[in-house]
Amino acid sequence: MAKIKDENQYQIILKRVEELMDIVTEETLPSDPNFVELDILADLAEEYEMEHYPVGQPLLSDVLKLRMNEMQLSQKTLAELLGVSTSRISDYMNGKMKPTFNIAKKMHHNLNIDANLILA
């Protein structure tokens, strides 16, 4: 199968994928030409994106901020939930310190954060 050669081709393919997304529905059969075209172009676009726009692992500090927002937790409440001081939470949020194994376990269980991300 061909590969996307440059950004211009990538943009053209993205435009076509958007057009096909309006045409292809859940009821569209996999044998439908539009379905097949969408499947092929989406795979090509994904391959190009992985090579040219890789997404790295998020920082623990960013994940903590997001989870605090989602759970509507203050730093004080988060500190109580994890059994640490608010200054320790600040250290985690600023990336100045990594959590201990016990705190990492609490983050994983209480905040549902992937353990691999916490221990990275």
Protein backbone atom coordinates (compact mmCIF):
# COMPACT_ATOMS: atom_id res chain seq x y z
CA MET A 1 0.00 0.00 0.00
CA ALA A 2 1.17 3.54 -0.70
CA LYS A 3 2.36 5.94 1.95
CA ILE A 4 1.54 9.62 2.41
CA LYS A 5 4.53 11.50 1.02
CA ASP A 6 4.10 14.99 2.43
CA GLU A 7 1.93 17.36 4.43
CA ASN A 8 -0.02 18.45 1.34
CA GLN A 9 -1.10 14.87 0.61
CA TYR A 10 -1.93 14.42 4.28
CA GLN A 11 -4.23 17.47 4.26
CA ILE A 12 -5.97 16.27 1.09
CA ILE A 13 -6.54 12.85 2.62
CA LEU A 14 -7.89 14.39 5.84
CA LYS A 15 -10.37 16.42 3.81
CA ARG A 16 -11.53 13.30 1.99
CA VAL A 17 -11.81 11.38 5.27
CA GLU A 18 -14.08 14.14 6.61
CA GLU A 19 -16.25 13.91 3.48
CA LEU A 20 -16.49 10.14 3.81
CA MET A 21 -17.36 10.39 7.52
CA ASP A 22 -20.54 12.21 6.45
CA ILE A 23 -21.40 9.43 3.99
CA VAL A 24 -20.44 6.26 5.86
CA THR A 25 -22.76 5.28 8.72
CA GLU A 26 -23.01 2.32 11.07
CA GLU A 27 -25.37 0.74 8.57
CA THR A 28 -22.87 1.00 5.71
CA LEU A 29 -21.71 -2.43 4.64
CA PRO A 30 -17.96 -3.17 4.75
CA SER A 31 -18.15 -4.03 1.05
CA ASP A 32 -19.40 -0.52 0.16
CA PRO A 33 -16.75 1.42 -1.84
CA ASN A 34 -17.05 4.45 0.47
CA PHE A 35 -16.50 2.25 3.52
CA VAL A 36 -13.42 0.66 1.93
CA GLU A 37 -12.01 4.03 0.88
CA LEU A 38 -12.57 5.49 4.35
CA ASP A 39 -10.90 2.50 5.99
CA ILE A 40 -7.82 2.73 3.74
CA LEU A 41 -7.45 6.51 4.00
CA ALA A 42 -7.91 6.50 7.76
CA ASP A 43 -5.15 3.90 8.10
CA LEU A 44 -2.84 5.96 5.88
CA ALA A 45 -3.56 9.13 7.86
CA GLU A 46 -2.99 7.33 11.16
CA GLU A 47 0.37 5.97 9.97
CA TYR A 48 1.44 9.46 8.84
CA GLU A 49 0.35 11.00 12.17
CA MET A 50 2.23 8.42 14.22
CA GLU A 51 5.39 9.20 12.30
CA HIS A 52 5.08 13.00 12.08
CA TYR A 53 2.93 13.92 15.09
CA PRO A 54 3.78 11.40 17.81
CA VAL A 55 1.93 11.84 21.07
CA GLY A 56 4.10 11.39 24.13
CA GLN A 57 3.05 10.19 27.52
CA PRO A 58 1.43 12.94 29.61
CA LEU A 59 3.19 14.26 32.69
CA LEU A 60 1.89 13.10 36.06
CA SER A 61 1.41 16.74 37.07
CA ASP A 62 -0.93 17.30 34.11
CA VAL A 63 -2.87 14.12 34.84
CA LEU A 64 -3.25 15.12 38.50
CA LYS A 65 -4.55 18.55 37.52
CA LEU A 66 -7.02 17.00 35.10
CA ARG A 67 -8.22 14.41 37.62
CA MET A 68 -8.59 17.09 40.32
CA ASN A 69 -10.71 19.12 37.93
CA GLU A 70 -12.83 16.10 36.94
CA MET A 71 -13.38 15.05 40.54
CA GLN A 72 -13.71 18.64 41.76
CA LEU A 73 -10.94 18.20 44.32
CA SER A 74 -8.91 20.94 45.93
CA GLN A 75 -5.25 20.39 46.76
CA LYS A 76 -6.26 20.06 50.40
CA THR A 77 -8.89 17.41 49.62
CA LEU A 78 -6.47 15.53 47.37
CA ALA A 79 -3.84 15.63 50.12
CA GLU A 80 -6.33 14.15 52.58
CA LEU A 81 -7.37 11.49 50.08
CA LEU A 82 -3.75 10.43 49.55
CA GLY A 83 -2.61 10.92 53.15
CA VAL A 84 0.06 13.52 52.38
CA SER A 85 0.57 17.21 53.05
CA THR A 86 -0.68 19.92 50.71
CA SER A 87 2.94 20.96 50.12
CA ARG A 88 3.68 17.41 48.92
CA ILE A 89 0.75 17.68 46.48
CA SER A 90 2.25 20.94 45.28
CA ASP A 91 5.58 19.15 44.72
CA TYR A 92 3.84 16.49 42.61
CA MET A 93 1.89 19.12 40.67
CA ASN A 94 5.05 21.11 39.91
CA GLY A 95 7.01 18.01 38.95
CA LYS A 96 9.52 18.64 41.75
CA MET A 97 8.99 15.23 43.31
CA LYS A 98 7.76 11.80 42.31
CA PRO A 99 5.38 9.91 44.58
CA THR A 100 6.59 7.02 46.71
CA PHE A 101 5.38 3.55 45.83
CA ASN A 102 2.66 3.69 48.53
CA ILE A 103 1.40 7.06 47.35
CA ALA A 104 1.53 5.84 43.73
CA LYS A 105 -0.72 2.92 44.75
CA LYS A 106 -3.17 5.35 46.38
CA MET A 107 -3.17 7.54 43.25
CA HIS A 108 -3.86 4.48 41.14
CA HIS A 109 -6.71 3.20 43.31
CA ASN A 110 -8.28 6.48 44.49
CA LEU A 111 -7.85 8.53 41.34
CA ASN A 112 -7.90 5.75 38.74
CA ILE A 113 -4.62 6.88 37.19
CA ASP A 114 -2.64 4.28 35.23
CA ALA A 115 0.18 2.93 37.39
CA ASN A 116 2.65 3.03 34.49
CA LEU A 117 2.05 6.75 34.13
CA ILE A 118 2.54 7.38 37.85
CA LEU A 119 5.77 5.42 38.04
CA ALA A 120 7.23 6.70 34.73
